[in-house]
């Protein structure tokens, strides 16, 4: 079971990092939607950092939760049009 948790934690960390790299804010800079995109991205990056901190502390449960929450911010932003994202592949559900 511990091996499954470690594998899933690794997978979700990679998924979040890739999603952050692949997404671009869709709106024009200076607009409220652009500001929302910055906030969504900031939340996701914070969860990525938190997850990495938890991993260093060998707390895989909280690391996985952090990576999952971070990806949730990115995926939600993609679904409502805050981000331009690739529509093929495994990174987003759009």
Protein backbone atom coordinates (compact mmCIF):
# COMPACT_ATOMS: atom_id res chain seq x y z
CA UNK A 1 0.00 0.00 0.00
CA UNK A 2 2.84 2.44 0.78
CA UNK A 3 4.27 1.82 -2.69
CA UNK A 4 0.88 2.70 -4.23
CA UNK A 5 0.75 5.94 -2.24
CA UNK A 6 4.26 6.87 -3.28
CA UNK A 7 3.53 6.13 -6.96
CA UNK A 8 0.31 8.15 -6.89
CA UNK A 9 2.03 11.05 -5.11
CA UNK A 10 4.78 11.06 -7.74
CA UNK A 11 2.23 10.95 -10.55
CA UNK A 12 0.16 13.83 -9.16
CA UNK A 13 3.22 15.99 -8.53
CA UNK A 14 4.28 15.50 -12.13
CA UNK A 15 0.73 16.14 -13.37
CA UNK A 16 0.51 19.45 -11.48
CA UNK A 17 3.96 20.60 -12.58
CA UNK A 18 3.16 19.77 -16.22
CA UNK A 19 -0.23 21.50 -16.00
CA UNK A 20 1.40 24.67 -14.68
CA UNK A 21 3.91 24.62 -17.54
CA UNK A 22 1.26 23.96 -20.18
CA UNK A 23 -1.33 26.58 -19.17
CA UNK A 24 -1.35 30.19 -20.27
CA UNK A 25 -3.71 32.82 -18.93
CA UNK A 26 -6.34 33.32 -21.62
CA UNK A 27 -7.44 36.89 -20.91
CA UNK A 28 -5.79 40.18 -21.76
CA UNK A 29 -3.46 41.49 -19.08
CA UNK A 30 -5.08 44.05 -16.78
CA UNK A 31 -8.56 42.53 -16.98
CA UNK A 32 -10.39 40.89 -14.07
CA UNK A 33 -10.20 37.52 -15.83
CA UNK A 34 -6.43 37.88 -16.16
CA UNK A 35 -6.21 38.66 -12.45
CA UNK A 36 -8.28 35.55 -11.73
CA UNK A 37 -5.84 33.53 -13.83
CA UNK A 38 -2.94 34.87 -11.80
CA UNK A 39 -4.73 33.91 -8.59
CA UNK A 40 -5.56 30.41 -9.84
CA UNK A 41 -1.96 29.90 -10.91
CA UNK A 42 -0.63 31.25 -7.60
CA UNK A 43 -2.84 28.85 -5.66
CA UNK A 44 -1.69 25.91 -7.78
CA UNK A 45 2.00 26.85 -7.38
CA UNK A 46 1.52 27.21 -3.63
CA UNK A 47 0.01 23.74 -3.44
CA UNK A 48 2.92 22.38 -5.50
CA UNK A 49 5.39 23.92 -3.03
CA UNK A 50 3.37 22.65 -0.06
CA UNK A 51 3.27 19.16 -1.53
CA UNK A 52 7.01 19.15 -2.05
CA UNK A 53 7.49 20.29 1.55
CA UNK A 54 5.24 17.48 2.82
CA UNK A 55 7.15 14.99 0.67
CA UNK A 56 10.45 16.14 2.25
CA UNK A 57 8.82 15.51 5.65
CA UNK A 58 7.82 12.03 4.40
CA UNK A 59 4.13 12.95 4.78
CA UNK A 60 2.87 11.43 1.54
CA UNK A 61 -0.81 11.73 2.42
CA UNK A 62 -0.63 15.51 2.72
CA UNK A 63 1.74 15.75 -0.24
CA UNK A 64 -0.76 13.90 -2.42
CA UNK A 65 -3.62 16.05 -1.14
CA UNK A 66 -1.66 19.22 -1.92
CA UNK A 67 -0.79 18.11 -5.44
CA UNK A 68 -4.41 17.09 -6.03
CA UNK A 69 -5.81 20.40 -4.78
CA UNK A 70 -3.30 22.31 -6.90
CA UNK A 71 -4.29 20.41 -9.99
CA UNK A 72 -7.93 21.05 -9.13
CA UNK A 73 -7.26 24.80 -9.31
CA UNK A 74 -5.61 24.41 -12.71
CA UNK A 75 -8.31 22.13 -14.08
CA UNK A 76 -11.09 24.40 -12.82
CA UNK A 77 -9.40 27.39 -14.43
CA UNK A 78 -9.13 25.51 -17.71
CA UNK A 79 -12.79 24.48 -17.61
CA UNK A 80 -14.07 28.02 -17.07
CA UNK A 81 -11.75 29.55 -19.66
CA UNK A 82 -9.25 31.27 -17.40
CA UNK A 83 -6.45 29.29 -19.04
CA UNK A 84 -5.61 28.32 -22.59
CA UNK A 85 -4.55 24.68 -22.33
CA UNK A 86 -3.85 21.77 -24.64
CA UNK A 87 -7.07 19.86 -25.24
CA UNK A 88 -5.37 16.58 -26.04
CA UNK A 89 -3.50 14.47 -23.55
CA UNK A 90 -3.94 13.80 -19.86
CA UNK A 91 -3.37 17.17 -18.20
CA UNK A 92 -6.89 18.65 -18.23
CA UNK A 93 -10.48 17.41 -18.43
CA UNK A 94 -11.66 20.02 -20.95
